[in-house]
């Protein structure tokens, strides 16, 4: 019996359910919840295939963002080309949430001289100033140990 060859585009659209808003992928999904489609023996993301089929090639270095927040959607009108960083910051993960913060948890502004960076993270100077005396009071043994190490270092430098 002869095997019937179905065109790639037809095979793709058979796996899409169009609603009033999203075009939902109904076939296989990867571990992250994105639809996957077999193209010439290789698994490709369904939303990327639809975007390149109906809109244009995705520029190198850019990724697609689901504006509708539905990872199973393949509607190219719900997809936007962004850098990876822009995509992360538009999201709902911790990085995005913290990047949008304008004030610390105590209500101090995270701007100007009140803001400092350490290991790529933002910190509030006012909270740091308020916290340090409390920490010293709660950790006298650690403070003594730190002072002891500091005196020892100064003696080494003098000799």
N, C-alpha and C. Protein backbone atom coordinates (compact mmCIF):
# COMPACT_ATOMS: atom_id res chain seq x y z
N UNK A 1 0.83 -1.17 0.00
CA UNK A 1 0.00 0.00 0.00
C UNK A 1 0.88 1.25 0.00
N UNK A 2 0.53 2.16 -0.88
CA UNK A 2 1.31 3.37 -1.02
C UNK A 2 1.02 4.33 0.13
N UNK A 3 2.08 4.93 0.66
CA UNK A 3 1.94 5.89 1.75
C UNK A 3 1.55 7.25 1.18
N UNK A 4 0.51 7.83 1.74
CA UNK A 4 0.03 9.13 1.27
C UNK A 4 0.88 10.23 1.88
N UNK A 5 1.40 11.13 1.05
CA UNK A 5 2.22 12.24 1.53
C UNK A 5 1.32 13.46 1.71
N UNK A 6 1.28 13.93 2.96
CA UNK A 6 0.46 15.11 3.28
C UNK A 6 1.39 16.32 3.34
N UNK A 7 1.04 17.40 2.65
CA UNK A 7 1.88 18.59 2.69
C UNK A 7 2.08 19.09 4.13
N UNK A 8 3.26 19.63 4.40
CA UNK A 8 3.63 20.09 5.75
C UNK A 8 2.60 21.06 6.32
N UNK A 9 2.20 22.04 5.52
CA UNK A 9 1.26 23.05 6.01
C UNK A 9 -0.08 22.41 6.40
N UNK A 10 -0.54 21.47 5.61
CA UNK A 10 -1.81 20.80 5.91
C UNK A 10 -1.68 20.01 7.21
N UNK A 11 -0.56 19.29 7.37
CA UNK A 11 -0.33 18.53 8.61
C UNK A 11 -0.33 19.46 9.82
N UNK A 12 0.27 20.64 9.65
CA UNK A 12 0.34 21.62 10.74
C UNK A 12 -1.05 22.10 11.13
N UNK A 13 -1.84 22.56 10.14
CA UNK A 13 -3.15 23.16 10.44
C UNK A 13 -4.16 22.15 10.97
N UNK A 14 -3.94 20.85 10.67
CA UNK A 14 -4.81 19.82 11.24
C UNK A 14 -4.66 19.73 12.75
N UNK A 15 -3.59 20.26 13.30
CA UNK A 15 -3.30 20.20 14.73
C UNK A 15 -3.62 21.50 15.46
N UNK A 16 -4.33 22.42 14.78
CA UNK A 16 -4.65 23.73 15.36
C UNK A 16 -6.16 23.88 15.49
N UNK A 17 -6.59 24.33 16.66
CA UNK A 17 -8.00 24.63 16.90
C UNK A 17 -8.12 26.15 17.07
N UNK A 18 -8.77 26.79 16.11
CA UNK A 18 -8.92 28.24 16.14
C UNK A 18 -10.14 28.63 16.97
N UNK A 19 -9.94 29.53 17.92
CA UNK A 19 -11.04 30.07 18.72
C UNK A 19 -11.17 31.55 18.36
N UNK A 20 -12.04 32.27 19.06
CA UNK A 20 -12.20 33.71 18.78
C UNK A 20 -10.94 34.49 19.09
N UNK A 21 -10.13 33.98 20.00
CA UNK A 21 -8.90 34.68 20.36
C UNK A 21 -7.67 33.88 19.95
N UNK A 22 -7.36 32.84 20.66
CA UNK A 22 -6.14 32.06 20.40
C UNK A 22 -6.36 30.95 19.37
N UNK A 23 -5.25 30.59 18.75
CA UNK A 23 -5.22 29.41 17.88
C UNK A 23 -4.46 28.36 18.68
N UNK A 24 -5.17 27.42 19.27
CA UNK A 24 -4.58 26.47 20.20
C UNK A 24 -4.00 25.25 19.52
N UNK A 25 -2.78 24.93 19.89
CA UNK A 25 -2.10 23.74 19.41
C UNK A 25 -2.70 22.54 20.11
N UNK A 26 -3.06 21.49 19.37
CA UNK A 26 -3.74 20.33 19.95
C UNK A 26 -2.89 19.06 19.93
N UNK A 27 -1.65 19.17 19.49
CA UNK A 27 -0.80 17.98 19.40
C UNK A 27 0.21 17.96 20.54
N UNK A 28 1.42 17.55 20.26
CA UNK A 28 2.45 17.36 21.29
C UNK A 28 2.98 18.68 21.86
N UNK A 29 3.40 18.61 23.13
CA UNK A 29 3.98 19.75 23.83
C UNK A 29 5.32 19.34 24.44
N UNK A 30 6.24 20.30 24.56
CA UNK A 30 7.50 20.01 25.24
C UNK A 30 7.34 20.19 26.75
N UNK A 31 8.42 19.98 27.51
CA UNK A 31 8.36 20.05 28.97
C UNK A 31 7.97 21.44 29.47
N UNK A 32 8.22 22.48 28.69
CA UNK A 32 7.93 23.85 29.12
C UNK A 32 6.54 24.32 28.69
N UNK A 33 5.77 23.44 28.04
CA UNK A 33 4.40 23.76 27.68
C UNK A 33 4.21 24.37 26.30
N UNK A 34 5.26 24.37 25.47
CA UNK A 34 5.16 24.90 24.11
C UNK A 34 4.82 23.76 23.15
N UNK A 35 3.95 24.04 22.18
CA UNK A 35 3.60 23.05 21.17
C UNK A 35 4.81 22.72 20.30
N UNK A 36 4.96 21.45 19.96
CA UNK A 36 6.05 21.02 19.08
C UNK A 36 5.49 20.30 17.86
N UNK A 37 6.17 20.47 16.74
CA UNK A 37 5.73 19.97 15.45
C UNK A 37 6.92 19.29 14.78
N UNK A 38 6.69 18.13 14.18
CA UNK A 38 7.74 17.40 13.50
C UNK A 38 7.91 17.94 12.08
N UNK A 39 9.05 18.53 11.81
CA UNK A 39 9.36 19.08 10.49
C UNK A 39 10.61 18.40 9.96
N UNK A 40 10.44 17.55 8.97
CA UNK A 40 11.55 16.81 8.36
C UNK A 40 12.37 16.05 9.40
N UNK A 41 11.67 15.40 10.34
CA UNK A 41 12.34 14.59 11.35
C UNK A 41 12.89 15.37 12.52
N UNK A 42 12.66 16.66 12.55
CA UNK A 42 13.17 17.49 13.64
C UNK A 42 11.99 18.17 14.35
N UNK A 43 12.02 18.18 15.69
CA UNK A 43 10.96 18.83 16.46
C UNK A 43 11.20 20.34 16.46
N UNK A 44 10.20 21.10 15.99
CA UNK A 44 10.28 22.56 16.00
C UNK A 44 9.11 23.09 16.83
N UNK A 45 9.28 24.26 17.42
CA UNK A 45 8.19 24.85 18.20
C UNK A 45 7.10 25.32 17.25
N UNK A 46 5.88 24.91 17.56
CA UNK A 46 4.73 25.18 16.68
C UNK A 46 4.49 26.68 16.49
N UNK A 47 4.64 27.48 17.54
CA UNK A 47 4.38 28.91 17.41
C UNK A 47 5.42 29.58 16.51
N UNK A 48 6.66 29.10 16.56
CA UNK A 48 7.71 29.65 15.70
C UNK A 48 7.43 29.28 14.23
N UNK A 49 6.99 28.03 14.01
CA UNK A 49 6.66 27.60 12.65
C UNK A 49 5.54 28.45 12.08
N UNK A 50 4.47 28.67 12.88
CA UNK A 50 3.33 29.47 12.42
C UNK A 50 3.74 30.91 12.13
N UNK A 51 4.57 31.48 12.98
CA UNK A 51 5.01 32.87 12.80
C UNK A 51 5.80 33.01 11.49
N UNK A 52 6.73 32.08 11.27
CA UNK A 52 7.55 32.16 10.05
C UNK A 52 6.72 31.82 8.81
N UNK A 53 5.72 31.00 8.95
CA UNK A 53 4.85 30.64 7.82
C UNK A 53 3.97 31.83 7.41
N UNK A 54 3.40 32.54 8.40
CA UNK A 54 2.42 33.57 8.10
C UNK A 54 2.93 35.01 8.18
N UNK A 55 3.99 35.25 8.91
CA UNK A 55 4.49 36.63 9.07
C UNK A 55 5.83 36.80 8.37
N UNK A 56 6.88 36.40 9.04
CA UNK A 56 8.23 36.53 8.47
C UNK A 56 9.21 35.69 9.28
N UNK A 57 10.43 35.64 8.78
CA UNK A 57 11.49 34.93 9.48
C UNK A 57 11.78 35.67 10.79
N UNK A 58 12.07 34.91 11.84
CA UNK A 58 12.40 35.50 13.13
C UNK A 58 13.85 35.97 13.07
N UNK A 59 14.10 37.27 13.27
CA UNK A 59 15.47 37.77 13.19
C UNK A 59 16.40 37.07 14.19
N UNK A 60 17.64 36.89 13.77
CA UNK A 60 18.64 36.24 14.62
C UNK A 60 18.81 37.05 15.91
N UNK A 61 18.87 36.34 17.03
CA UNK A 61 19.05 36.99 18.33
C UNK A 61 17.74 37.39 19.00
N UNK A 62 16.61 37.20 18.30
CA UNK A 62 15.32 37.54 18.89
C UNK A 62 14.53 36.28 19.19
N UNK A 63 13.59 36.42 20.08
CA UNK A 63 12.72 35.32 20.48
C UNK A 63 11.28 35.78 20.38
N UNK A 64 10.34 34.86 20.43
CA UNK A 64 8.92 35.23 20.35
C UNK A 64 8.30 35.26 21.73
N UNK A 65 7.53 36.31 21.98
CA UNK A 65 6.79 36.47 23.23
C UNK A 65 5.31 36.25 22.95
N UNK A 66 4.67 35.41 23.75
CA UNK A 66 3.22 35.20 23.64
C UNK A 66 2.53 36.35 24.37
N UNK A 67 2.00 37.30 23.64
CA UNK A 67 1.30 38.45 24.22
C UNK A 67 0.08 37.96 25.01
N UNK A 68 -0.54 36.89 24.55
CA UNK A 68 -1.74 36.34 25.19
C UNK A 68 -1.41 35.50 26.42
N UNK A 69 -0.13 35.22 26.67
CA UNK A 69 0.35 34.41 27.80
C UNK A 69 -0.07 32.94 27.71
N UNK A 70 -0.46 32.49 26.52
CA UNK A 70 -0.86 31.10 26.30
C UNK A 70 0.23 30.44 25.47
N UNK A 71 1.05 29.61 26.10
CA UNK A 71 2.18 28.97 25.40
C UNK A 71 1.73 28.02 24.30
N UNK A 72 0.49 27.58 24.35
CA UNK A 72 -0.03 26.67 23.33
C UNK A 72 -0.62 27.41 22.14
N UNK A 73 -0.60 28.74 22.15
CA UNK A 73 -1.19 29.53 21.07
C UNK A 73 -0.20 29.67 19.91
N UNK A 74 -0.70 29.48 18.67
CA UNK A 74 0.15 29.62 17.49
C UNK A 74 -0.33 30.77 16.59
N UNK A 75 -1.21 31.62 17.12
CA UNK A 75 -1.71 32.77 16.36
C UNK A 75 -0.58 33.79 16.23
N UNK A 76 -0.09 34.05 15.02
CA UNK A 76 1.05 34.96 14.86
C UNK A 76 0.74 36.40 15.30
N UNK A 77 -0.55 36.77 15.36
CA UNK A 77 -0.91 38.10 15.85
C UNK A 77 -0.77 38.20 17.37
N UNK A 78 -0.59 37.07 18.02
CA UNK A 78 -0.38 37.04 19.47
C UNK A 78 1.10 36.89 19.82
N UNK A 79 1.96 36.96 18.82
CA UNK A 79 3.39 36.77 19.02
C UNK A 79 4.15 38.04 18.65
N UNK A 80 5.18 38.33 19.44
CA UNK A 80 5.98 39.54 19.23
C UNK A 80 7.45 39.18 19.33
N UNK A 81 8.26 39.68 18.39
CA UNK A 81 9.70 39.44 18.41
C UNK A 81 10.36 40.38 19.43
N UNK A 82 11.12 39.80 20.35
CA UNK A 82 11.82 40.56 21.39
C UNK A 82 13.18 39.93 21.64
N UNK A 83 14.06 40.69 22.32
CA UNK A 83 15.29 40.07 22.79
C UNK A 83 14.92 39.17 23.96
N UNK A 84 15.81 38.27 24.31
CA UNK A 84 15.53 37.36 25.43
C UNK A 84 15.31 38.16 26.72
N UNK A 85 16.13 39.18 26.94
CA UNK A 85 16.02 40.00 28.15
C UNK A 85 14.66 40.70 28.20
N UNK A 86 14.23 41.30 27.08
CA UNK A 86 12.93 41.98 27.03
C UNK A 86 11.80 40.99 27.33
N UNK A 87 11.92 39.79 26.78
CA UNK A 87 10.90 38.76 26.98
C UNK A 87 10.81 38.37 28.46
N UNK A 88 11.95 38.18 29.10
CA UNK A 88 11.97 37.82 30.53
C UNK A 88 11.34 38.94 31.35
N UNK A 89 11.71 40.20 31.07
CA UNK A 89 11.23 41.32 31.87
C UNK A 89 9.75 41.62 31.66
N UNK A 90 9.18 41.20 30.53
CA UNK A 90 7.73 41.38 30.29
C UNK A 90 6.92 40.30 30.99
N UNK A 91 7.59 39.27 31.46
CA UNK A 91 6.90 38.11 32.02
C UNK A 91 6.38 38.31 33.43
N UNK A 92 6.06 37.18 34.05
CA UNK A 92 5.50 37.19 35.40
C UNK A 92 6.40 36.47 36.39
N UNK A 93 7.64 36.18 36.00
CA UNK A 93 8.60 35.53 36.90
C UNK A 93 9.19 36.51 37.90
N UNK A 94 9.99 35.99 38.83
CA UNK A 94 10.60 36.83 39.87
C UNK A 94 11.47 37.94 39.30
N UNK A 95 12.25 37.62 38.27
CA UNK A 95 13.12 38.64 37.67
C UNK A 95 12.29 39.82 37.16
N UNK A 96 11.21 39.52 36.49
CA UNK A 96 10.35 40.56 35.94
C UNK A 96 9.67 41.37 37.05
N UNK A 97 9.17 40.68 38.05
CA UNK A 97 8.48 41.35 39.16
C UNK A 97 9.44 42.29 39.88
N UNK A 98 10.64 41.81 40.18
CA UNK A 98 11.61 42.65 40.89
C UNK A 98 12.11 43.80 40.04
N UNK A 99 12.25 43.60 38.75
CA UNK A 99 12.72 44.67 37.86
C UNK A 99 11.71 45.81 37.79
N UNK A 100 10.43 45.50 37.95
CA UNK A 100 9.39 46.53 37.89
C UNK A 100 9.22 47.30 39.21
N UNK A 101 9.84 46.82 40.27
CA UNK A 101 9.68 47.48 41.57
C UNK A 101 10.33 48.86 41.55
N UNK A 102 9.63 49.85 42.08
CA UNK A 102 10.16 51.21 42.19
C UNK A 102 10.50 51.54 43.64
N UNK A 103 10.00 50.71 44.58
CA UNK A 103 10.25 50.92 46.00
C UNK A 103 10.56 49.57 46.66
N UNK A 104 11.34 49.63 47.74
CA UNK A 104 11.64 48.39 48.47
C UNK A 104 10.42 47.98 49.28
N UNK A 105 10.50 46.85 49.98
CA UNK A 105 9.37 46.36 50.77
C UNK A 105 9.00 47.30 51.91
N UNK A 106 9.94 48.15 52.33
CA UNK A 106 9.66 49.12 53.40
C UNK A 106 9.14 50.44 52.86
N UNK A 107 9.04 50.56 51.54
CA UNK A 107 8.49 51.77 50.93
C UNK A 107 9.50 52.82 50.52
N UNK A 108 10.80 52.53 50.68
CA UNK A 108 11.84 53.49 50.27
C UNK A 108 12.01 53.43 48.76
N UNK A 109 12.26 54.56 48.11
CA UNK A 109 12.44 54.55 46.64
C UNK A 109 13.74 53.83 46.25
N UNK A 110 13.65 53.05 45.19
CA UNK A 110 14.83 52.35 44.67
C UNK A 110 15.43 53.18 43.54
N UNK A 111 15.86 54.42 43.89
CA UNK A 111 16.43 55.33 42.91
C UNK A 111 17.57 56.13 43.53
N UNK A 112 18.36 56.76 42.67
CA UNK A 112 19.39 57.70 43.10
C UNK A 112 20.36 57.14 44.12
N UNK A 113 20.66 57.96 45.13
CA UNK A 113 21.66 57.58 46.15
C UNK A 113 21.15 56.51 47.10
N UNK A 114 19.85 56.26 47.11
CA UNK A 114 19.29 55.23 47.98
C UNK A 114 19.44 53.83 47.38
N UNK A 115 19.94 53.74 46.18
CA UNK A 115 20.03 52.47 45.47
C UNK A 115 21.49 52.06 45.30
N UNK A 116 21.79 50.79 45.59
CA UNK A 116 23.12 50.26 45.27
C UNK A 116 22.98 48.85 44.71
N UNK A 117 23.99 48.45 43.97
CA UNK A 117 23.99 47.15 43.30
C UNK A 117 25.08 46.26 43.89
N UNK A 118 24.74 45.01 44.07
CA UNK A 118 25.71 44.02 44.53
C UNK A 118 25.39 42.70 43.84
N UNK A 119 26.36 42.14 43.16
CA UNK A 119 26.18 40.88 42.43
C UNK A 119 25.01 40.95 41.46
N UNK A 120 24.82 42.11 40.80
CA UNK A 120 23.78 42.28 39.80
C UNK A 120 22.38 42.48 40.38
N UNK A 121 22.28 42.62 41.70
CA UNK A 121 20.97 42.81 42.35
C UNK A 121 20.88 44.22 42.91
N UNK A 122 19.65 44.75 43.02
CA UNK A 122 19.42 46.09 43.57
C UNK A 122 19.11 45.99 45.06
N UNK A 123 19.66 46.94 45.82
CA UNK A 123 19.42 46.99 47.26
C UNK A 123 19.12 48.42 47.69
N UNK A 124 18.40 48.55 48.80
CA UNK A 124 18.00 49.83 49.38
C UNK A 124 19.01 50.22 50.47
N UNK A 125 19.67 51.36 50.31
CA UNK A 125 20.64 51.82 51.30
C UNK A 125 19.98 52.10 52.66
N UNK A 126 18.80 52.70 52.64
CA UNK A 126 18.11 53.05 53.88
C UNK A 126 17.81 51.79 54.70
N UNK A 127 17.34 50.75 54.06
CA UNK A 127 17.06 49.50 54.77
C UNK A 127 18.36 48.90 55.31
N UNK A 128 19.41 49.00 54.55
CA UNK A 128 20.71 48.49 54.99
C UNK A 128 21.18 49.24 56.24
N UNK A 129 21.04 50.58 56.22
CA UNK A 129 21.43 51.40 57.39
C UNK A 129 20.59 51.02 58.61
N UNK A 130 19.31 50.77 58.41
CA UNK A 130 18.42 50.42 59.52
C UNK A 130 18.68 49.00 60.03
N UNK A 131 19.10 48.12 59.16
CA UNK A 131 19.26 46.71 59.52
C UNK A 131 20.56 46.44 60.26
N UNK A 132 21.64 47.12 59.87
CA UNK A 132 22.96 46.81 60.41
C UNK A 132 23.02 46.91 61.94
N UNK A 133 22.52 47.99 62.58
CA UNK A 133 22.58 48.05 64.06
C UNK A 133 21.80 46.91 64.73
N UNK A 134 20.67 46.51 64.12
CA UNK A 134 19.88 45.40 64.67
C UNK A 134 20.67 44.10 64.58
N UNK A 135 21.34 43.90 63.45
CA UNK A 135 22.12 42.68 63.24
C UNK A 135 23.26 42.61 64.25
N UNK A 136 23.93 43.74 64.46
CA UNK A 136 25.05 43.79 65.40
C UNK A 136 24.57 43.42 66.81
N UNK A 137 23.42 43.94 67.19
CA UNK A 137 22.85 43.67 68.51
C UNK A 137 22.49 42.19 68.65
N UNK A 138 21.98 41.58 67.58
CA UNK A 138 21.55 40.18 67.62
C UNK A 138 22.69 39.18 67.45
N UNK A 139 23.87 39.62 66.96
CA UNK A 139 24.97 38.71 66.66
C UNK A 139 26.29 39.17 67.29
N UNK A 140 26.35 39.33 68.61
CA UNK A 140 27.58 39.86 69.23
C UNK A 140 28.79 38.94 69.02
N UNK A 141 28.58 37.64 68.99
CA UNK A 141 29.70 36.71 68.80
C UNK A 141 30.32 36.87 67.40
N UNK A 142 29.47 37.00 66.41
CA UNK A 142 29.97 37.18 65.04
C UNK A 142 30.71 38.50 64.90
N UNK A 143 30.21 39.54 65.59
CA UNK A 143 30.87 40.85 65.54
C UNK A 143 32.26 40.75 66.16
N UNK A 144 32.37 40.09 67.32
CA UNK A 144 33.67 39.92 68.00
C UNK A 144 34.63 39.15 67.10
N UNK A 145 34.14 38.09 66.46
CA UNK A 145 34.98 37.28 65.57
C UNK A 145 35.46 38.12 64.38
N UNK A 146 34.58 38.93 63.83
CA UNK A 146 34.95 39.80 62.70
C UNK A 146 36.01 40.82 63.13
N UNK A 147 35.82 41.44 64.29
CA UNK A 147 36.80 42.42 64.79
C UNK A 147 38.15 41.77 65.04
N UNK A 148 38.13 40.54 65.55
CA UNK A 148 39.35 39.79 65.82
C UNK A 148 40.12 39.54 64.51
N UNK A 149 39.39 39.10 63.48
CA UNK A 149 40.02 38.86 62.16
C UNK A 149 40.57 40.15 61.58
N UNK A 150 39.83 41.25 61.73
CA UNK A 150 40.26 42.54 61.19
C UNK A 150 41.53 43.02 61.86
N UNK A 151 41.64 42.87 63.22
CA UNK A 151 42.87 43.26 63.95
C UNK A 151 44.05 42.42 63.49
N UNK A 152 43.80 41.12 63.28
CA UNK A 152 44.87 40.22 62.83
C UNK A 152 45.37 40.64 61.45
N UNK A 153 44.47 41.01 60.55
CA UNK A 153 44.86 41.45 59.20
C UNK A 153 45.68 42.73 59.27
N UNK A 154 45.26 43.67 60.16
CA UNK A 154 46.01 44.94 60.27
C UNK A 154 47.42 44.70 60.78
N UNK A 155 47.58 43.73 61.74
CA UNK A 155 48.93 43.39 62.24
C UNK A 155 49.80 42.84 61.14
N UNK A 156 49.23 42.02 60.26
CA UNK A 156 49.99 41.42 59.15
C UNK A 156 50.42 42.50 58.20
N UNK A 157 49.57 43.46 57.89
CA UNK A 157 49.88 44.52 56.95
C UNK A 157 50.99 45.42 57.50
N UNK A 158 51.00 45.70 58.83
CA UNK A 158 52.02 46.58 59.45
C UNK A 158 53.40 45.96 59.40
N UNK A 159 53.51 44.64 59.49
CA UNK A 159 54.84 44.01 59.51
C UNK A 159 55.43 43.81 58.16
